[in-house]
Structure formats: structure tokens, C-alpha cells
Amino acid sequence: MRITPILALCLVAAPLGAQQPNGTTLSGLWQLEKGKVKSDGPRSVMIRADSSASWGKETVRWRLRPGQIMIALGGEWEIYTLKLKGDRLTLSGGDLTEPVTLKRVGQATPRPANVPVPPDPDQVPQ
């Protein structure tokens, strides 16, 4: 069963204007505000500055590119278009059938020490 990574990246907070978001600005607890995700998809996501994101029992790695967020799932990157405005994050593309908007509702919490950040698919030997 594949979980939509939307959420792992339902991040970001402060108004950034033309700035690109970074791990600090994306850190926090994000909740689905608008749009649809798969029935088993996350409704809230914890994004951390250490490049990890968690929802339910799932923890993923994320990476930013200009205007995009990449989420490592199953050894591959899923790429979403990312727009951040204030405390709202909109993701589109990737495996989403329509854009989704997430609202930051809290601070990031530390990743438990016994939960590793998944490997970077670009760094795993083939």
C-alpha cells in the first residue's frame, strides 16, 4: 500500500515573498486544509529541519529544489510543486490529482532517536 507523501511535506510557515523556503521555514506541524488525498493519505504531517517528515507511523526524507519539494518514498523521489504563503503550503503535481493546501498549526517536534531518516535515493548504491 503506497502512502501519498503529501504530507511529508506539508511544511513551511513565515511569509517568504520571493525567498525560497528552507528547512527552518518548513518545520512544523501541518494539517490538510483544502484538497483531497487518498483515503489512506495523511491529514497532518510533521516536517523537521533535519530533512525528515512524519505522518502516522511513516517517516520520509525530503529535499528542496527551487519551487519544488522532493519526498523519498520506496527508494525513489516523488516531486511536487511547492508554494508557500504565510502559514499555508500548497502542493501540486507528483501523485496528487489536484492541489492540496496545508496550514501550519504547530511547532516541529524532535524526531525520536530510534526513528532513522530514510536513506537518500541518490546516495544508495544500485
C-alpha atoms as a PDB file:
ATOM      1  CA  MET A   1       0.000   0.000   0.000  1.00  0.00           C
ATOM      2  CA  ARG A   2       1.504   3.327  -1.086  1.00  0.00           C
ATOM      3  CA  ILE A   3       1.017   6.365   1.090  1.00  0.00           C
ATOM      4  CA  THR A   4       0.819   9.748  -0.589  1.00  0.00           C
ATOM      5  CA  PRO A   5       3.817  11.757   0.516  1.00  0.00           C
ATOM      6  CA  ILE A   6       1.884  14.958   0.504  1.00  0.00           C
ATOM      7  CA  LEU A   7       2.266  15.394   3.538  1.00  0.00           C
ATOM      8  CA  ALA A   8       5.517  14.892   4.402  1.00  0.00           C
ATOM      9  CA  LEU A   9       5.882  17.954   3.237  1.00  0.00           C
ATOM     10  CA  CYS A  10       3.079  19.923   4.247  1.00  0.00           C
ATOM     11  CA  LEU A  11       5.525  22.340   5.658  1.00  0.00           C
ATOM     12  CA  VAL A  12       6.504  25.942   5.770  1.00  0.00           C
ATOM     13  CA  ALA A  13       5.472  28.955   7.661  1.00  0.00           C
ATOM     14  CA  ALA A  14       6.578  32.568   7.698  1.00  0.00           C
ATOM     15  CA  PRO A  15       5.908  34.841   4.743  1.00  0.00           C
ATOM     16  CA  LEU A  16       8.794  34.426   2.356  1.00  0.00           C
ATOM     17  CA  GLY A  17       7.914  36.571  -0.649  1.00  0.00           C
ATOM     18  CA  ALA A  18      10.448  35.705  -3.313  1.00  0.00           C
ATOM     19  CA  GLN A  19      12.633  33.740  -0.900  1.00  0.00           C
ATOM     20  CA  GLN A  20      12.932  30.015  -1.247  1.00  0.00           C
ATOM     21  CA  PRO A  21      11.774  28.032   1.778  1.00  0.00           C
ATOM     22  CA  ASN A  22      14.374  26.148   3.789  1.00  0.00           C
ATOM     23  CA  GLY A  23      14.280  23.502   6.498  1.00  0.00           C
ATOM     24  CA  THR A  24      13.662  26.051   9.225  1.00  0.00           C
ATOM     25  CA  THR A  25      10.752  27.750   7.452  1.00  0.00           C
ATOM     26  CA  LEU A  26       9.176  24.394   6.574  1.00  0.00           C
ATOM     27  CA  SER A  27       9.492  22.953  10.060  1.00  0.00           C
ATOM     28  CA  GLY A  28       6.263  22.461  11.928  1.00  0.00           C
ATOM     29  CA  LEU A  29       3.031  20.534  12.197  1.00  0.00           C
ATOM     30  CA  TRP A  30       0.893  20.901   9.065  1.00  0.00           C
ATOM     31  CA  GLN A  31      -2.744  19.919   8.614  1.00  0.00           C
ATOM     32  CA  LEU A  32      -4.717  19.399   5.431  1.00  0.00           C
ATOM     33  CA  GLU A  33      -6.912  22.432   4.880  1.00  0.00           C
ATOM     34  CA  LYS A  34      -8.068  22.121   1.285  1.00  0.00           C
ATOM     35  CA  GLY A  35      -7.922  19.455  -1.411  1.00  0.00           C
ATOM     36  CA  LYS A  36      -8.197  15.700  -1.477  1.00  0.00           C
ATOM     37  CA  VAL A  37      -5.707  12.994  -0.637  1.00  0.00           C
ATOM     38  CA  LYS A  38      -6.084   9.250  -0.996  1.00  0.00           C
ATOM     39  CA  SER A  39      -8.194   7.640   1.711  1.00  0.00           C
ATOM     40  CA  ASP A  40      -5.023   6.343   3.382  1.00  0.00           C
ATOM     41  CA  GLY A  41      -3.167   9.607   2.821  1.00  0.00           C
ATOM     42  CA  PRO A  42      -2.035  11.817   5.683  1.00  0.00           C
ATOM     43  CA  ARG A  43      -4.203  14.600   7.060  1.00  0.00           C
ATOM     44  CA  SER A  44      -1.384  16.009   9.192  1.00  0.00           C
ATOM     45  CA  VAL A  45       2.382  15.947   8.718  1.00  0.00           C
ATOM     46  CA  MET A  46       5.308  16.819  10.982  1.00  0.00           C
ATOM     47  CA  ILE A  47       8.129  18.431   8.989  1.00  0.00           C
ATOM     48  CA  ARG A  48      11.534  18.760  10.623  1.00  0.00           C
ATOM     49  CA  ALA A  49      14.606  20.787   9.677  1.00  0.00           C
ATOM     50  CA  ASP A  50      16.701  17.564   9.751  1.00  0.00           C
ATOM     51  CA  SER A  51      15.169  16.598   6.341  1.00  0.00           C
ATOM     52  CA  SER A  52      12.659  14.184   7.865  1.00  0.00           C
ATOM     53  CA  ALA A  53       8.872  14.308   7.782  1.00  0.00           C
ATOM     54  CA  SER A  54       6.436  12.004   9.570  1.00  0.00           C
ATOM     55  CA  TRP A  55       2.767  11.127   9.475  1.00  0.00           C
ATOM     56  CA  GLY A  56       1.214   8.182  11.245  1.00  0.00           C
ATOM     57  CA  LYS A  57       3.987   5.573  11.523  1.00  0.00           C
ATOM     58  CA  GLU A  58       5.647   6.703   8.263  1.00  0.00           C
ATOM     59  CA  THR A  59       8.881   8.724   8.223  1.00  0.00           C
ATOM     60  CA  VAL A  60      10.339  10.012   4.966  1.00  0.00           C
ATOM     61  CA  ARG A  61      13.250  12.126   3.774  1.00  0.00           C
ATOM     62  CA  TRP A  62      12.646  15.388   1.944  1.00  0.00           C
ATOM     63  CA  ARG A  63      14.741  17.759  -0.134  1.00  0.00           C
ATOM     64  CA  LEU A  64      14.023  21.184  -1.623  1.00  0.00           C
ATOM     65  CA  ARG A  65      14.711  22.465  -5.103  1.00  0.00           C
ATOM     66  CA  PRO A  66      13.605  25.895  -6.339  1.00  0.00           C
ATOM     67  CA  GLY A  67       9.803  25.786  -6.339  1.00  0.00           C
ATOM     68  CA  GLN A  68       9.704  22.061  -5.553  1.00  0.00           C
ATOM     69  CA  ILE A  69       9.839  19.592  -2.715  1.00  0.00           C
ATOM     70  CA  MET A  70      11.077  16.050  -3.262  1.00  0.00           C
ATOM     71  CA  ILE A  71       9.965  13.255  -0.939  1.00  0.00           C
ATOM     72  CA  ALA A  72      11.799   9.919  -0.851  1.00  0.00           C
ATOM     73  CA  LEU A  73       9.345   7.026  -0.845  1.00  0.00           C
ATOM     74  CA  GLY A  74      10.261   3.450  -1.564  1.00  0.00           C
ATOM     75  CA  GLY A  75      13.757   4.380  -2.721  1.00  0.00           C
ATOM     76  CA  GLU A  76      12.549   6.973  -5.261  1.00  0.00           C
ATOM     77  CA  TRP A  77      11.871  10.698  -5.222  1.00  0.00           C
ATOM     78  CA  GLU A  78       8.306  11.936  -5.694  1.00  0.00           C
ATOM     79  CA  ILE A  79       8.430  15.575  -6.836  1.00  0.00           C
ATOM     80  CA  TYR A  80       5.788  18.195  -6.020  1.00  0.00           C
ATOM     81  CA  THR A  81       5.440  21.844  -6.924  1.00  0.00           C
ATOM     82  CA  LEU A  82       5.587  23.840  -3.704  1.00  0.00           C
ATOM     83  CA  LYS A  83       4.095  27.273  -3.000  1.00  0.00           C
ATOM     84  CA  LEU A  84       4.414  28.849   0.419  1.00  0.00           C
ATOM     85  CA  LYS A  85       2.482  31.906   1.519  1.00  0.00           C
ATOM     86  CA  GLY A  86       2.399  32.782   5.191  1.00  0.00           C
ATOM     87  CA  ASP A  87       1.225  29.762   7.161  1.00  0.00           C
ATOM     88  CA  ARG A  88      -0.179  27.975   4.103  1.00  0.00           C
ATOM     89  CA  LEU A  89       1.626  25.499   1.887  1.00  0.00           C
ATOM     90  CA  THR A  90       0.206  24.354  -1.432  1.00  0.00           C
ATOM     91  CA  LEU A  91       1.498  21.212  -3.118  1.00  0.00           C
ATOM     92  CA  SER A  92       0.616  20.012  -6.594  1.00  0.00           C
ATOM     93  CA  GLY A  93       1.870  17.546  -9.175  1.00  0.00           C
ATOM     94  CA  GLY A  94       3.593  14.312  -8.266  1.00  0.00           C
ATOM     95  CA  ASP A  95       0.990  11.696  -7.435  1.00  0.00           C
ATOM     96  CA  LEU A  96      -1.653  14.285  -6.493  1.00  0.00           C
ATOM     97  CA  THR A  97      -4.722  14.553  -8.731  1.00  0.00           C
ATOM     98  CA  GLU A  98      -5.395  18.116  -7.565  1.00  0.00           C
ATOM     99  CA  PRO A  99      -3.520  20.713  -5.495  1.00  0.00           C
ATOM    100  CA  VAL A 100      -3.700  20.443  -1.723  1.00  0.00           C
ATOM    101  CA  THR A 101      -3.248  23.206   0.820  1.00  0.00           C
ATOM    102  CA  LEU A 102      -1.848  22.636   4.265  1.00  0.00           C
ATOM    103  CA  LYS A 103      -1.920  25.024   7.188  1.00  0.00           C
ATOM    104  CA  ARG A 104       0.804  25.187   9.797  1.00  0.00           C
ATOM    105  CA  VAL A 105      -0.800  24.541  13.169  1.00  0.00           C
ATOM    106  CA  GLY A 106       2.176  23.964  15.464  1.00  0.00           C
ATOM    107  CA  GLN A 107       5.901  23.734  16.057  1.00  0.00           C
ATOM    108  CA  ALA A 108       8.061  20.850  14.908  1.00  0.00           C
ATOM    109  CA  THR A 109       8.877  18.200  17.485  1.00  0.00           C
ATOM    110  CA  PRO A 110      12.193  16.329  17.508  1.00  0.00           C
ATOM    111  CA  ARG A 111      12.390  13.055  15.613  1.00  0.00           C
ATOM    112  CA  PRO A 112      12.636  10.199  18.123  1.00  0.00           C
ATOM    113  CA  ALA A 113      16.204   8.871  18.340  1.00  0.00           C
ATOM    114  CA  ASN A 114      15.060   5.352  17.405  1.00  0.00           C
ATOM    115  CA  VAL A 115      13.455   6.556  14.138  1.00  0.00           C
ATOM    116  CA  PRO A 116      16.085   6.922  11.395  1.00  0.00           C
ATOM    117  CA  VAL A 117      15.809   9.286   8.442  1.00  0.00           C
ATOM    118  CA  PRO A 118      15.423   7.047   5.373  1.00  0.00           C
ATOM    119  CA  PRO A 119      18.421   6.921   3.024  1.00  0.00           C
ATOM    120  CA  ASP A 120      18.794   9.447   0.234  1.00  0.00           C
ATOM    121  CA  PRO A 121      17.868   7.593  -3.003  1.00  0.00           C
ATOM    122  CA  ASP A 122      20.672   9.461  -4.798  1.00  0.00           C
ATOM    123  CA  GLN A 123      23.256   8.128  -2.332  1.00  0.00           C
ATOM    124  CA  VAL A 124      22.163   4.455  -2.164  1.00  0.00           C
ATOM    125  CA  PRO A 125      24.387   2.153  -4.243  1.00  0.00           C
ATOM    126  CA  GLN A 126      22.481   0.458  -7.091  1.00  0.00           C
END
